[in-house]
N, C-alpha and C. Protein backbone atom coordinates (compact mmCIF):
# COMPACT_ATOMS: atom_id res chain seq x y z
N MET A 1 11.02 3.75 0.62
CA MET A 1 11.02 4.46 2.12
C MET A 1 9.54 4.02 2.23
N SER A 2 9.36 3.52 3.75
CA SER A 2 8.21 2.87 3.90
C SER A 2 7.59 3.83 4.59
N LEU A 3 6.04 4.33 4.36
CA LEU A 3 5.61 5.56 5.39
C LEU A 3 5.14 4.90 6.20
N ASP A 4 4.94 3.58 6.64
CA ASP A 4 4.82 3.34 8.07
C ASP A 4 5.50 3.04 9.13
N ALA A 5 6.38 2.48 8.59
CA ALA A 5 7.74 2.94 9.38
C ALA A 5 7.80 3.85 9.68
N THR A 6 8.10 4.87 9.18
CA THR A 6 8.28 6.36 10.13
C THR A 6 7.18 6.96 10.16
N ILE A 7 6.18 6.64 10.57
CA ILE A 7 4.74 7.03 11.10
C ILE A 7 4.99 6.03 12.88
N TRP A 8 5.59 4.59 12.18
CA TRP A 8 6.15 4.35 13.62
C TRP A 8 6.75 4.30 14.73
N ALA A 9 8.04 5.34 13.73
CA ALA A 9 9.14 6.07 14.21
C ALA A 9 8.88 7.08 15.27
N TRP A 10 7.95 7.52 14.16
CA TRP A 10 7.71 8.97 15.28
C TRP A 10 6.72 9.08 16.63
N LYS A 11 5.95 7.50 16.41
CA LYS A 11 4.97 7.33 17.71
C LYS A 11 6.06 6.62 19.17
N GLN A 12 7.11 6.62 18.79
CA GLN A 12 8.17 6.03 19.81
C GLN A 12 8.27 6.92 20.63
N ARG A 13 8.07 6.02 21.69
CA ARG A 13 8.50 6.75 23.42
C ARG A 13 9.59 5.84 24.12
N GLY A 14 10.14 7.52 25.38
CA GLY A 14 10.94 6.76 25.66
C GLY A 14 12.78 6.47 25.40
N LEU A 15 12.55 7.10 24.34
CA LEU A 15 13.97 7.29 23.43
C LEU A 15 14.90 8.40 23.57
N THR A 16 16.00 8.46 23.78
CA THR A 16 17.15 9.70 23.83
C THR A 16 16.75 10.15 22.52
N PRO A 17 17.10 11.41 22.35
CA PRO A 17 16.96 11.56 20.66
C PRO A 17 18.12 11.41 20.20
N ALA A 18 19.01 10.97 20.44
CA ALA A 18 20.32 10.57 19.49
C ALA A 18 19.28 8.88 18.94
N GLU A 19 18.88 8.41 19.94
CA GLU A 19 18.01 7.12 19.60
C GLU A 19 16.53 7.37 18.56
N LYS A 20 15.99 8.64 18.90
CA LYS A 20 15.31 8.59 18.32
C LYS A 20 15.36 8.90 16.34
N THR A 21 16.67 10.04 16.73
CA THR A 21 17.26 10.48 15.30
C THR A 21 17.94 9.17 14.02
N VAL A 22 18.25 7.82 14.98
CA VAL A 22 18.91 6.70 14.17
C VAL A 22 17.52 6.15 13.68
N LEU A 23 16.24 6.11 14.51
CA LEU A 23 15.97 5.39 14.32
C LEU A 23 14.67 6.35 13.22
N LEU A 24 14.51 6.96 13.38
CA LEU A 24 14.16 7.72 12.21
C LEU A 24 14.42 7.76 10.73
N SER A 25 15.97 7.82 10.91
CA SER A 25 16.99 7.74 10.03
C SER A 25 16.58 5.58 9.07
N LEU A 26 16.74 5.04 10.42
CA LEU A 26 16.30 3.97 9.44
C LEU A 26 15.10 3.91 9.11
N ALA A 27 13.82 4.04 9.90
CA ALA A 27 12.87 4.04 9.19
C ALA A 27 12.79 4.45 7.70
N ASP A 28 12.99 5.83 7.79
CA ASP A 28 13.25 6.43 6.54
C ASP A 28 13.54 5.74 5.45
N ARG A 29 15.13 4.79 5.66
CA ARG A 29 15.58 4.12 4.58
C ARG A 29 14.87 2.85 4.50
N ALA A 30 13.67 2.42 5.20
CA ALA A 30 13.15 0.95 5.20
C ALA A 30 12.41 0.72 4.17
N GLY A 31 12.01 -0.29 3.97
CA GLY A 31 11.67 -0.79 2.06
C GLY A 31 10.23 -1.06 3.30
N GLU A 32 9.18 -1.97 2.29
CA GLU A 32 7.67 -2.21 2.72
C GLU A 32 8.03 -3.70 3.27
N ASP A 33 9.08 -4.18 3.79
CA ASP A 33 9.45 -5.20 4.79
C ASP A 33 9.87 -4.67 5.91
N HIS A 34 9.84 -3.69 5.58
CA HIS A 34 10.55 -2.93 7.51
C HIS A 34 11.67 -3.04 7.04
N THR A 35 12.86 -3.26 6.55
CA THR A 35 14.37 -3.72 6.60
C THR A 35 14.47 -2.64 6.49
N ALA A 36 15.81 -1.87 6.61
CA ALA A 36 16.98 -1.24 6.11
C ALA A 36 18.36 -1.92 6.91
N TRP A 37 19.33 -1.71 5.37
CA TRP A 37 20.71 -1.70 5.92
C TRP A 37 21.79 -0.28 5.52
N PRO A 38 21.43 0.53 5.97
CA PRO A 38 22.21 1.36 5.62
C PRO A 38 23.67 1.44 6.78
N SER A 39 24.76 1.82 6.15
CA SER A 39 26.01 1.65 6.68
C SER A 39 25.84 2.67 8.23
N ALA A 40 26.96 2.51 8.92
CA ALA A 40 27.01 3.54 10.25
C ALA A 40 27.54 4.92 9.63
N LYS A 41 28.13 4.76 8.97
CA LYS A 41 28.65 5.77 8.24
C LYS A 41 27.36 6.44 7.47
N ARG A 42 26.68 6.20 6.73
CA ARG A 42 25.40 6.82 6.27
C ARG A 42 24.29 7.54 7.80
N LEU A 43 24.32 6.09 8.70
CA LEU A 43 23.57 7.24 9.75
C LEU A 43 24.41 8.04 10.17
N ALA A 44 25.49 8.47 10.39
CA ALA A 44 25.85 9.23 10.46
C ALA A 44 26.18 10.44 10.27
N LYS A 45 26.13 10.36 8.93
CA LYS A 45 26.11 11.49 8.08
C LYS A 45 24.31 12.22 8.08
N ASP A 46 23.81 11.16 8.50
CA ASP A 46 22.31 11.50 7.72
C ASP A 46 21.91 11.89 9.16
N THR A 47 22.03 11.62 10.81
CA THR A 47 21.61 12.32 11.98
C THR A 47 22.72 13.29 12.43
N GLU A 48 24.50 13.55 11.61
CA GLU A 48 25.19 13.92 11.99
C GLU A 48 25.39 14.25 13.99
N LEU A 49 26.16 12.76 13.85
CA LEU A 49 26.28 11.88 14.77
C LEU A 49 27.40 11.56 14.00
N SER A 50 28.58 11.40 15.11
CA SER A 50 29.69 10.17 15.02
C SER A 50 29.44 9.09 14.58
N ASP A 51 30.05 8.07 13.61
CA ASP A 51 29.82 6.81 13.37
C ASP A 51 29.93 5.94 14.91
N ARG A 52 30.91 6.33 15.55
CA ARG A 52 30.38 5.61 17.07
C ARG A 52 29.54 5.75 17.97
N HIS A 53 29.51 6.89 17.92
CA HIS A 53 28.01 7.27 18.49
C HIS A 53 26.80 6.50 18.10
N VAL A 54 27.15 6.33 16.75
CA VAL A 54 25.71 5.61 15.74
C VAL A 54 25.63 4.08 16.41
N ARG A 55 27.14 3.52 15.97
CA ARG A 55 27.02 2.47 16.19
C ARG A 55 26.36 1.82 18.12
N ARG A 56 26.53 2.84 18.99
CA ARG A 56 26.21 2.48 20.23
C ARG A 56 24.77 2.82 20.39
N VAL A 57 24.12 3.56 19.73
CA VAL A 57 22.98 3.93 19.79
C VAL A 57 22.15 2.98 18.95
N LEU A 58 22.68 2.23 18.03
CA LEU A 58 22.17 1.07 17.02
C LEU A 58 21.97 -0.10 18.90
N LYS A 59 23.13 -0.64 18.74
CA LYS A 59 23.16 -1.33 20.04
C LYS A 59 21.84 -0.90 21.40
N GLN A 60 21.62 0.47 21.77
CA GLN A 60 20.98 0.73 22.42
C GLN A 60 19.81 0.46 21.72
N LEU A 61 19.23 0.72 20.86
CA LEU A 61 18.00 0.45 19.69
C LEU A 61 17.61 -0.94 19.98
N ARG A 62 18.57 -1.78 20.03
CA ARG A 62 18.62 -3.08 20.01
C ARG A 62 18.40 -3.93 21.70
N SER A 63 18.82 -3.31 22.48
CA SER A 63 18.46 -3.77 23.71
C SER A 63 16.75 -2.77 24.05
N LYS A 64 15.98 -2.36 23.47
CA LYS A 64 14.76 -1.54 23.91
C LYS A 64 14.52 -2.40 22.87
N ARG A 65 14.41 -3.47 21.93
CA ARG A 65 13.21 -3.63 21.33
C ARG A 65 12.82 -3.21 20.31
N LYS A 66 13.27 -2.31 19.69
CA LYS A 66 13.26 -1.50 18.18
C LYS A 66 13.85 -2.08 17.28
N ILE A 67 14.77 -2.49 17.26
CA ILE A 67 15.46 -3.26 15.42
C ILE A 67 15.93 -4.79 15.77
N ARG A 68 16.11 -5.44 14.72
CA ARG A 68 16.43 -6.36 15.38
C ARG A 68 17.77 -6.87 14.16
N PRO A 69 18.90 -7.33 14.30
CA PRO A 69 19.59 -7.73 12.90
C PRO A 69 18.99 -8.78 12.47
N VAL A 70 18.82 -8.85 10.81
CA VAL A 70 18.62 -10.44 10.17
C VAL A 70 19.23 -10.96 9.65
N GLY A 71 20.51 -10.00 9.32
CA GLY A 71 21.44 -10.48 8.28
C GLY A 71 22.33 -9.62 7.61
N GLU A 72 23.20 -9.99 6.66
CA GLU A 72 24.21 -9.01 6.57
C GLU A 72 23.62 -8.55 4.72
N HIS A 73 23.76 -7.57 4.67
CA HIS A 73 24.19 -7.77 3.17
C HIS A 73 25.28 -8.00 2.82
N PHE A 74 25.37 -7.97 1.09
CA PHE A 74 26.72 -8.58 0.72
C PHE A 74 27.83 -7.39 1.02
N SER A 75 27.32 -6.40 1.21
CA SER A 75 28.85 -5.39 1.15
C SER A 75 29.35 -5.52 2.89
N GLY A 76 28.45 -5.84 3.40
CA GLY A 76 29.00 -6.00 5.20
C GLY A 76 28.43 -5.61 5.90
N VAL A 77 27.15 -4.91 5.28
CA VAL A 77 26.71 -3.87 6.16
C VAL A 77 25.52 -4.98 6.87
N ILE A 78 25.21 -5.04 8.24
CA ILE A 78 24.21 -5.45 8.96
C ILE A 78 22.79 -5.13 8.50
N ILE A 79 22.10 -5.73 7.95
CA ILE A 79 20.34 -5.52 7.71
C ILE A 79 19.53 -5.46 9.02
N TYR A 80 19.29 -4.92 9.21
CA TYR A 80 18.03 -4.35 10.65
C TYR A 80 16.53 -4.08 10.18
N GLN A 81 15.82 -4.57 11.15
CA GLN A 81 14.44 -4.81 10.97
C GLN A 81 13.75 -4.06 11.84
N LEU A 82 13.00 -2.98 11.39
CA LEU A 82 12.18 -2.61 12.54
C LEU A 82 11.11 -3.21 13.34
N ILE A 83 10.99 -3.77 14.79
CA ILE A 83 10.09 -3.89 15.15
C ILE A 83 8.60 -3.58 15.59
N GLY A 84 7.68 -4.25 15.41
CA GLY A 84 6.55 -3.50 15.86
C GLY A 84 6.41 -2.91 14.74
N VAL A 85 6.52 -2.49 13.78
CA VAL A 85 5.84 -1.92 12.48
C VAL A 85 4.66 -2.20 11.85
N SER A 86 3.53 -1.94 11.71
CA SER A 86 2.02 -2.56 11.19
C SER A 86 1.91 -1.54 10.46
N GLY A 87 1.24 -2.27 9.23
CA GLY A 87 0.93 -1.69 8.07
C GLY A 87 -0.85 -0.77 7.81
N ARG A 88 -0.55 -0.21 6.78
CA ARG A 88 -1.94 0.19 6.85
C ARG A 88 -2.57 -0.68 6.66
N GLU A 89 -2.13 -1.60 5.76
CA GLU A 89 -3.59 -2.67 5.24
C GLU A 89 -3.72 -3.64 6.07
N GLU A 90 -2.49 -3.91 7.50
CA GLU A 90 -3.11 -4.77 8.55
C GLU A 90 -3.80 -4.34 9.41
N GLU A 91 -4.49 -3.05 9.13
CA GLU A 91 -5.66 -2.48 10.17
C GLU A 91 -6.50 -2.38 9.82
N ILE A 92 -7.19 -2.81 10.34
CA ILE A 92 -8.97 -2.91 10.57
C ILE A 92 -9.91 -2.04 9.47
N GLN A 93 -10.29 -2.88 8.20
CA GLN A 93 -10.93 -1.89 6.69
C GLN A 93 -12.41 -2.19 7.54
N PRO A 94 -13.40 -1.07 7.50
CA PRO A 94 -14.87 -1.57 7.88
C PRO A 94 -15.60 -3.05 6.28
N PRO A 95 -16.41 -3.56 6.75
CA PRO A 95 -16.51 -4.19 5.86
C PRO A 95 -17.11 -3.88 4.82
N ARG A 96 -16.87 -4.49 3.32
CA ARG A 96 -17.41 -3.82 1.96
C ARG A 96 -18.46 -4.92 1.50
N GLN A 97 -19.42 -4.46 0.37
CA GLN A 97 -19.94 -4.84 0.06
C GLN A 97 -20.28 -4.27 -1.91
N TYR A 98 -20.88 -5.08 -2.17
CA TYR A 98 -20.97 -4.87 -4.33
C TYR A 98 -22.44 -4.31 -3.66
N VAL A 99 -22.47 -3.07 -4.30
CA VAL A 99 -23.85 -2.60 -4.74
C VAL A 99 -23.48 -1.87 -5.96
N ARG A 100 -24.80 -2.57 -6.55
CA ARG A 100 -24.90 -2.32 -8.07
C ARG A 100 -23.68 -2.53 -8.92
N GLY A 101 -22.43 -3.78 -9.05
CA GLY A 101 -21.26 -3.71 -9.24
C GLY A 101 -19.80 -3.29 -8.60
N VAL A 102 -20.31 -1.62 -8.08
CA VAL A 102 -19.60 -1.27 -7.80
C VAL A 102 -19.27 -1.48 -6.31
N MET A 103 -17.84 -1.78 -5.84
CA MET A 103 -17.50 -1.95 -4.53
C MET A 103 -17.45 -0.62 -3.40
N THR A 104 -18.43 -0.26 -2.75
CA THR A 104 -18.68 0.79 -1.86
C THR A 104 -18.79 0.17 -0.35
N PRO A 105 -18.21 1.30 0.85
CA PRO A 105 -18.31 0.73 1.88
C PRO A 105 -19.37 0.44 2.37
N ARG A 106 -19.48 -0.56 3.58
CA ARG A 106 -21.11 -0.98 4.34
C ARG A 106 -21.75 0.26 4.58
N HIS A 107 -21.29 1.20 5.26
CA HIS A 107 -22.16 1.91 6.18
C HIS A 107 -22.99 3.04 4.65
N GLU A 108 -22.41 2.92 3.76
CA GLU A 108 -23.65 4.03 3.05
C GLU A 108 -24.67 3.28 2.72
N GLY A 109 -25.07 2.27 2.73
CA GLY A 109 -25.68 1.98 2.55
C GLY A 109 -26.43 1.18 1.24
N PRO A 110 -27.83 0.05 1.06
CA PRO A 110 -27.53 -0.67 -0.36
C PRO A 110 -28.24 0.10 -1.28
N ASP A 111 -28.36 1.53 -1.01
CA ASP A 111 -29.22 2.28 -2.23
C ASP A 111 -28.40 2.71 -2.34
N SER A 112 -27.11 3.43 -1.83
CA SER A 112 -26.06 4.69 -2.54
C SER A 112 -25.87 3.96 -3.67
N VAL A 113 -25.13 5.33 -4.64
CA VAL A 113 -24.44 5.08 -5.97
C VAL A 113 -23.40 5.47 -5.99
N SER A 114 -22.14 4.62 -6.24
CA SER A 114 -20.88 5.04 -6.22
C SER A 114 -20.62 6.38 -8.00
N ALA A 115 -20.04 7.09 -7.47
CA ALA A 115 -20.06 8.06 -8.17
C ALA A 115 -18.95 7.57 -9.40
N LYS A 116 -18.32 6.59 -9.13
CA LYS A 116 -17.39 6.03 -10.38
C LYS A 116 -18.85 4.90 -11.22
N PRO A 117 -19.37 5.10 -12.13
CA PRO A 117 -20.22 4.13 -13.43
C PRO A 117 -19.45 3.10 -13.40
N SER A 118 -20.16 1.99 -13.60
CA SER A 118 -19.25 0.40 -14.15
C SER A 118 -20.31 -0.13 -14.96
N ILE A 119 -19.46 -0.29 -16.19
CA ILE A 119 -21.05 -0.89 -16.92
C ILE A 119 -21.34 -2.36 -16.98
N GLU A 120 -20.55 -3.10 -16.04
CA GLU A 120 -20.12 -4.47 -16.24
C GLU A 120 -21.71 -5.19 -15.72
N PRO A 121 -22.14 -5.67 -16.97
CA PRO A 121 -23.92 -6.33 -16.49
C PRO A 121 -23.94 -6.96 -15.41
N PRO A 122 -25.31 -7.22 -14.85
CA PRO A 122 -25.14 -8.36 -13.81
C PRO A 122 -25.57 -9.54 -14.99
N ILE A 123 -24.66 -10.75 -14.07
CA ILE A 123 -24.59 -12.10 -14.57
C ILE A 123 -26.14 -12.40 -14.47
N GLU A 124 -26.57 -13.44 -15.60
CA GLU A 124 -27.75 -13.82 -15.80
C GLU A 124 -27.44 -15.22 -16.39
N SER A 125 -27.60 -16.32 -15.99
CA SER A 125 -27.49 -17.82 -16.07
C SER A 125 -28.08 -18.21 -17.45
N ASN A 126 -29.68 -17.31 -17.54
CA ASN A 126 -30.41 -18.05 -18.85
C ASN A 126 -30.66 -16.69 -19.54
N THR A 127 -29.49 -15.55 -19.97
CA THR A 127 -29.46 -15.14 -20.56
C THR A 127 -28.55 -15.71 -21.79
N PRO A 128 -29.07 -15.53 -23.21
CA PRO A 128 -27.93 -16.06 -23.80
C PRO A 128 -27.11 -14.66 -24.56
N ARG A 129 -25.60 -15.03 -24.48
CA ARG A 129 -24.71 -14.32 -24.85
C ARG A 129 -24.25 -14.27 -26.54
N TYR A 130 -24.03 -13.64 -26.83
CA TYR A 130 -23.14 -13.30 -28.06
C TYR A 130 -21.75 -12.62 -27.85
N SER A 131 -21.35 -13.27 -27.99
CA SER A 131 -19.63 -13.39 -27.62
C SER A 131 -18.95 -13.18 -29.21
N PHE A 132 -18.16 -11.96 -28.77
CA PHE A 132 -17.10 -12.01 -29.89
C PHE A 132 -16.02 -10.86 -29.72
N LYS A 133 -14.67 -11.62 -29.74
CA LYS A 133 -13.46 -10.34 -29.58
C LYS A 133 -13.96 -10.34 -28.37
N GLY A 134 -14.47 -11.57 -26.88
CA GLY A 134 -14.37 -11.14 -25.34
C GLY A 134 -15.41 -10.01 -25.08
N ILE A 135 -16.26 -9.88 -26.09
CA ILE A 135 -17.07 -8.04 -25.57
C ILE A 135 -17.97 -8.85 -25.73
N THR A 136 -19.55 -8.74 -25.46
CA THR A 136 -20.57 -9.54 -25.43
C THR A 136 -21.43 -8.43 -25.64
N GLN A 137 -22.42 -8.86 -27.19
CA GLN A 137 -23.28 -7.88 -27.54
C GLN A 137 -24.52 -7.73 -26.10
N LYS A 138 -25.13 -7.78 -25.00
CA LYS A 138 -25.39 -7.84 -24.10
C LYS A 138 -24.95 -6.84 -23.49
N CYS A 139 -23.84 -7.05 -22.95
CA CYS A 139 -22.75 -5.80 -22.57
C CYS A 139 -22.88 -4.65 -23.36
N PHE A 140 -22.89 -3.84 -24.52
CA PHE A 140 -23.17 -2.60 -25.31
C PHE A 140 -24.17 -2.74 -25.17
N GLU A 141 -25.41 -3.23 -25.35
CA GLU A 141 -26.84 -3.14 -25.34
C GLU A 141 -26.75 -2.54 -23.67
N GLN A 142 -26.56 -2.61 -22.74
CA GLN A 142 -26.73 -2.21 -21.49
C GLN A 142 -26.03 -1.23 -21.51
N ALA A 143 -24.80 -1.20 -22.19
CA ALA A 143 -24.18 0.42 -22.16
C ALA A 143 -24.69 1.15 -22.76
N ARG A 144 -25.11 1.19 -23.55
CA ARG A 144 -25.81 2.16 -25.10
C ARG A 144 -27.65 2.71 -24.00
N GLN A 145 -27.66 1.66 -23.05
CA GLN A 145 -28.97 2.29 -22.78
C GLN A 145 -28.78 3.45 -21.29
N ARG A 146 -27.47 2.91 -20.42
CA ARG A 146 -27.19 3.47 -19.37
C ARG A 146 -26.06 4.37 -19.06
N PHE A 147 -25.76 4.82 -20.46
CA PHE A 147 -24.68 5.72 -20.86
C PHE A 147 -24.86 6.46 -21.90
N SER A 148 -26.27 6.75 -22.07
CA SER A 148 -26.53 7.48 -23.22
C SER A 148 -26.05 8.39 -23.87
N GLY A 149 -25.53 9.16 -23.35
CA GLY A 149 -24.56 10.43 -23.52
C GLY A 149 -23.52 9.61 -23.72
N TYR A 150 -22.43 9.07 -23.87
CA TYR A 150 -21.40 8.50 -24.23
C TYR A 150 -21.01 7.98 -25.73
N ASP A 151 -20.21 7.94 -25.94
CA ASP A 151 -19.85 6.94 -27.42
C ASP A 151 -19.71 5.95 -27.51
N ILE A 152 -20.26 4.87 -26.92
CA ILE A 152 -20.60 3.33 -27.31
C ILE A 152 -20.47 3.13 -28.26
N HIS A 153 -20.72 3.50 -29.64
CA HIS A 153 -20.36 3.10 -30.80
C HIS A 153 -18.78 2.86 -31.05
N GLY A 154 -18.28 4.33 -30.88
CA GLY A 154 -17.17 4.34 -31.08
C GLY A 154 -16.01 3.52 -30.07
N LEU A 155 -16.45 2.66 -28.58
CA LEU A 155 -15.88 2.01 -28.37
C LEU A 155 -15.84 0.59 -28.83
N GLU A 156 -17.16 0.51 -29.14
CA GLU A 156 -17.46 -0.78 -29.74
C GLU A 156 -16.50 -0.91 -31.12
N ALA A 157 -16.51 0.00 -31.31
CA ALA A 157 -15.37 0.30 -33.11
C ALA A 157 -14.33 -0.02 -32.11
N GLU A 158 -13.53 0.74 -31.98
CA GLU A 158 -12.32 0.70 -31.32
C GLU A 158 -12.13 -0.62 -30.46
N TRP A 159 -12.50 -1.04 -29.76
CA TRP A 159 -12.65 -2.75 -29.64
C TRP A 159 -12.62 -3.52 -29.97
N LEU A 160 -13.56 -3.76 -31.18
CA LEU A 160 -13.21 -4.68 -31.98
C LEU A 160 -12.41 -4.30 -33.46
N GLY A 161 -12.67 -3.23 -33.51
CA GLY A 161 -12.15 -2.86 -34.52
C GLY A 161 -10.39 -3.71 -35.35
């Protein structure tokens, strides 16, 4: 089920109640690529319309450019794509920046501190690192300083043990 498709279907205007109901049923069955392939019988069951009425409504939705056939399922059912659905990931997001090793929205300002602590040390090119099993000594030293209340020694033993 695609939440984006369902939201899009609810926002469509200029449809008859039957068209809106069938479109909502298609949207409810659509995947993340906004395609669905329920049979007319399944749509009729969902919408409480007759099979014949559902087929007529599908033609009307095609003529109104709300859906388009994009293929056929191996069972013989037509695959429809919902036209005009934009995903939430396609919406404009506010610019983001890294602040103290944690990604935060830009509007919070450079001095803001995220509630989620980060134990990643800043990258310093001139600092020697003593790496063992992928964990650096410097990382543990900084973690001990920044998070004195946490059992860093237990984590170190668990990771390296």
